[in-house]
Amino acid sequence: MSRTTTNRWGWSLLGLAGETLASSKRDFPTEVQASAAAVAFSQLVGKASKNIGSAADGDPQPTLF
């Protein structure tokens, strides 16, 4: 989580080398809201990676969302 200069919060997904891979497109009024958005995004990334993995294993119709 990171606080902006206006006391609003956002999130960034960092790679292994510390580079920013993705970040929130909006600010949130509280750290809790920014954290919840980050968790929701990470769950979507996890689901997407499972779908990509199943497609690589020969699943004829991977679920896309």
Protein backbone atom coordinates (compact mmCIF):
# COMPACT_ATOMS: atom_id res chain seq x y z
CA MET A 1 0.00 0.00 0.00
CA SER A 2 1.14 3.52 -0.57
CA ARG A 3 -0.25 6.80 0.59
CA THR A 4 -0.48 9.64 -1.91
CA THR A 5 0.14 13.25 -1.00
CA THR A 6 -3.59 13.84 -0.53
CA ASN A 7 -3.95 11.17 2.19
CA ARG A 8 -5.49 8.70 -0.22
CA TRP A 9 -4.31 5.14 -0.73
CA GLY A 10 -3.43 2.94 -3.69
CA TRP A 11 -1.70 -0.38 -4.37
CA SER A 12 1.04 -1.67 -6.65
CA LEU A 13 1.93 -5.21 -7.69
CA LEU A 14 5.71 -5.57 -7.73
CA GLY A 15 7.77 -8.13 -9.62
CA LEU A 16 10.69 -10.08 -8.19
CA ALA A 17 13.14 -7.30 -9.07
CA GLY A 18 10.91 -4.66 -7.46
CA GLU A 19 9.52 -3.34 -10.73
CA THR A 20 5.88 -2.25 -10.88
CA LEU A 21 3.81 -4.79 -12.82
CA ALA A 22 0.40 -3.24 -12.14
CA SER A 23 -1.04 -0.53 -9.94
CA SER A 24 -4.43 0.76 -8.92
CA LYS A 25 -6.02 3.10 -11.42
CA ARG A 26 -7.71 5.03 -8.63
CA ASP A 27 -7.03 6.14 -5.09
CA PHE A 28 -8.98 4.93 -2.07
CA PRO A 29 -9.93 7.00 0.99
CA THR A 30 -8.65 4.40 3.47
CA GLU A 31 -5.84 1.88 3.67
CA VAL A 32 -8.42 -0.86 4.34
CA GLN A 33 -10.24 -0.14 1.07
CA ALA A 34 -6.98 -0.11 -0.89
CA SER A 35 -5.97 -3.38 0.76
CA ALA A 36 -9.31 -5.00 -0.11
CA ALA A 37 -8.94 -3.88 -3.73
CA ALA A 38 -5.41 -5.31 -3.85
CA VAL A 39 -6.61 -8.65 -2.46
CA ALA A 40 -9.45 -8.79 -4.99
CA PHE A 41 -7.03 -8.04 -7.83
CA SER A 42 -4.59 -10.70 -6.63
CA GLN A 43 -7.41 -13.26 -6.55
CA LEU A 44 -8.28 -12.39 -10.17
CA VAL A 45 -4.63 -12.81 -11.15
CA GLY A 46 -4.57 -16.20 -9.40
CA LYS A 47 -7.70 -17.37 -11.22
CA ALA A 48 -6.36 -16.13 -14.55
CA SER A 49 -3.06 -17.93 -14.05
CA LYS A 50 -4.92 -21.17 -13.33
CA ASN A 51 -6.89 -20.71 -16.57
CA ILE A 52 -3.70 -20.09 -18.51
CA GLY A 53 -2.17 -23.19 -16.97
CA SER A 54 -5.16 -25.34 -17.87
CA ALA A 55 -5.06 -24.04 -21.46
CA ALA A 56 -1.40 -25.03 -21.69
CA ASP A 57 -2.32 -28.52 -20.45
CA GLY A 58 -4.70 -28.99 -23.39
CA ASP A 59 -8.02 -27.84 -21.89
CA PRO A 60 -10.11 -27.24 -25.04
CA GLN A 61 -12.21 -24.40 -23.59
CA PRO A 62 -10.48 -22.43 -20.83
CA THR A 63 -12.72 -20.10 -18.87
CA LEU A 64 -11.98 -16.46 -19.57
CA PHE A 65 -13.28 -13.59 -17.51
